[in-house]
Amino acid sequence: MWERWAAAESHEDDVSDAPLSLNDTNISECASYVYMGREVNIANDLAPELGRRKQVAWEAFKSVEEVAKKTKNVRLRAHLFDTALPALTYASESWAIRK
């Protein structure tokens, strides 16, 4: 068992700098990207994703803000506010809970 682990450890520095291509299309390296609505980054840092979620939620709220200001119906105002929550909490079940 130890020999297999030692052999695997010795190969971790054998990373090629050769370009990666798929179907004759070069794949470039990037620090972060958005996949299925969630920002993924190499450091696994949630701060950029939380910032994106906050921005998207504000945009969702701004789209109904004018109507919410004009209505006197408290239940309708609460419902309009609730329409922004899914934009804020999208994929939150997969966020790591840590400081």
Protein backbone atom coordinates (compact mmCIF):
# COMPACT_ATOMS: atom_id res chain seq x y z
CA MET A 1 0.00 0.00 0.00
CA TRP A 2 2.77 2.46 0.96
CA GLU A 3 4.55 1.83 -2.34
CA ARG A 4 1.44 2.76 -4.35
CA TRP A 5 0.95 5.96 -2.33
CA ALA A 6 4.63 6.90 -2.70
CA ALA A 7 4.44 6.27 -6.44
CA ALA A 8 1.34 8.44 -6.74
CA GLU A 9 3.00 11.22 -4.73
CA SER A 10 6.03 11.24 -7.01
CA HIS A 11 3.83 11.92 -10.06
CA GLU A 12 2.00 14.96 -8.73
CA ASP A 13 4.73 17.32 -10.01
CA ASP A 14 4.57 15.76 -13.49
CA VAL A 15 1.99 18.27 -14.75
CA SER A 16 2.38 19.09 -18.41
CA ASP A 17 2.32 22.68 -19.65
CA ALA A 18 1.19 21.45 -23.07
CA PRO A 19 -2.02 23.05 -24.36
CA LEU A 20 -5.19 21.09 -23.71
CA SER A 21 -7.55 20.62 -26.64
CA LEU A 22 -10.89 18.92 -27.18
CA ASN A 23 -12.17 18.24 -30.71
CA ASP A 24 -9.45 20.52 -32.11
CA THR A 25 -10.55 23.36 -29.81
CA ASN A 26 -7.98 24.71 -27.37
CA ILE A 27 -9.19 24.80 -23.77
CA SER A 28 -7.75 27.77 -21.91
CA GLU A 29 -6.96 27.87 -18.21
CA CYS A 30 -9.00 30.24 -16.08
CA ALA A 31 -9.22 31.13 -12.39
CA SER A 32 -13.02 30.99 -12.23
CA TYR A 33 -16.11 30.30 -14.35
CA VAL A 34 -19.88 30.04 -13.97
CA TYR A 35 -21.24 26.49 -14.17
CA MET A 36 -24.98 25.84 -13.89
CA GLY A 37 -25.52 29.27 -12.36
CA ARG A 38 -22.79 28.99 -9.76
CA GLU A 39 -19.36 30.61 -9.87
CA VAL A 40 -16.62 28.04 -9.37
CA ASN A 41 -13.03 29.04 -8.69
CA ILE A 42 -9.74 27.25 -8.18
CA ALA A 43 -9.44 28.42 -4.54
CA ASN A 44 -12.97 27.17 -3.72
CA ASP A 45 -13.67 30.64 -2.30
CA LEU A 46 -17.37 31.43 -1.83
CA ALA A 47 -16.96 35.22 -1.59
CA PRO A 48 -17.23 35.86 -5.37
CA GLU A 49 -20.26 33.55 -5.62
CA LEU A 50 -21.99 35.25 -2.69
CA GLY A 51 -21.32 38.63 -4.30
CA ARG A 52 -22.82 37.37 -7.57
CA ARG A 53 -25.87 36.00 -5.76
CA LYS A 54 -26.38 39.33 -3.99
CA GLN A 55 -26.15 41.21 -7.29
CA VAL A 56 -28.61 38.85 -9.00
CA ALA A 57 -31.04 39.15 -6.09
CA TRP A 58 -30.90 42.96 -6.23
CA GLU A 59 -31.56 42.83 -9.97
CA ALA A 60 -34.55 40.54 -9.36
CA PHE A 61 -35.87 42.87 -6.66
CA LYS A 62 -35.31 46.00 -8.78
CA SER A 63 -37.45 44.43 -11.52
CA VAL A 64 -40.51 44.45 -9.18
CA GLU A 65 -39.57 47.41 -6.95
CA GLU A 66 -41.74 49.96 -8.77
CA VAL A 67 -44.83 47.76 -8.41
CA ALA A 68 -44.00 47.03 -4.77
CA LYS A 69 -43.75 50.76 -4.00
CA LYS A 70 -47.11 51.53 -5.61
CA THR A 71 -49.16 48.77 -3.99
CA LYS A 72 -50.79 49.25 -0.62
CA ASN A 73 -51.49 45.53 -0.17
CA VAL A 74 -48.98 44.28 2.42
CA ARG A 75 -49.39 40.63 1.40
CA LEU A 76 -48.67 41.47 -2.24
CA ARG A 77 -45.62 43.52 -1.24
CA ALA A 78 -44.31 40.57 0.80
CA HIS A 79 -44.96 38.22 -2.12
CA LEU A 80 -43.07 40.53 -4.49
CA PHE A 81 -40.14 40.65 -2.07
CA ASP A 82 -40.19 36.84 -1.87
CA THR A 83 -39.68 36.62 -5.64
CA ALA A 84 -36.07 37.81 -5.16
CA LEU A 85 -35.18 35.16 -2.56
CA PRO A 86 -34.66 32.26 -5.02
CA ALA A 87 -32.15 34.41 -6.92
CA LEU A 88 -30.27 35.01 -3.67
CA THR A 89 -30.31 31.44 -2.39
CA TYR A 90 -29.83 29.52 -5.66
CA ALA A 91 -27.55 26.51 -5.02
CA SER A 92 -27.10 27.53 -1.38
CA GLU A 93 -27.59 23.93 -0.28
CA SER A 94 -24.14 23.19 -1.69
CA TRP A 95 -22.36 26.10 0.02
CA ALA A 96 -19.84 25.04 2.64
CA ILE A 97 -20.60 26.25 6.15
CA ARG A 98 -17.34 27.64 7.54
CA LYS A 99 -15.72 30.87 8.68
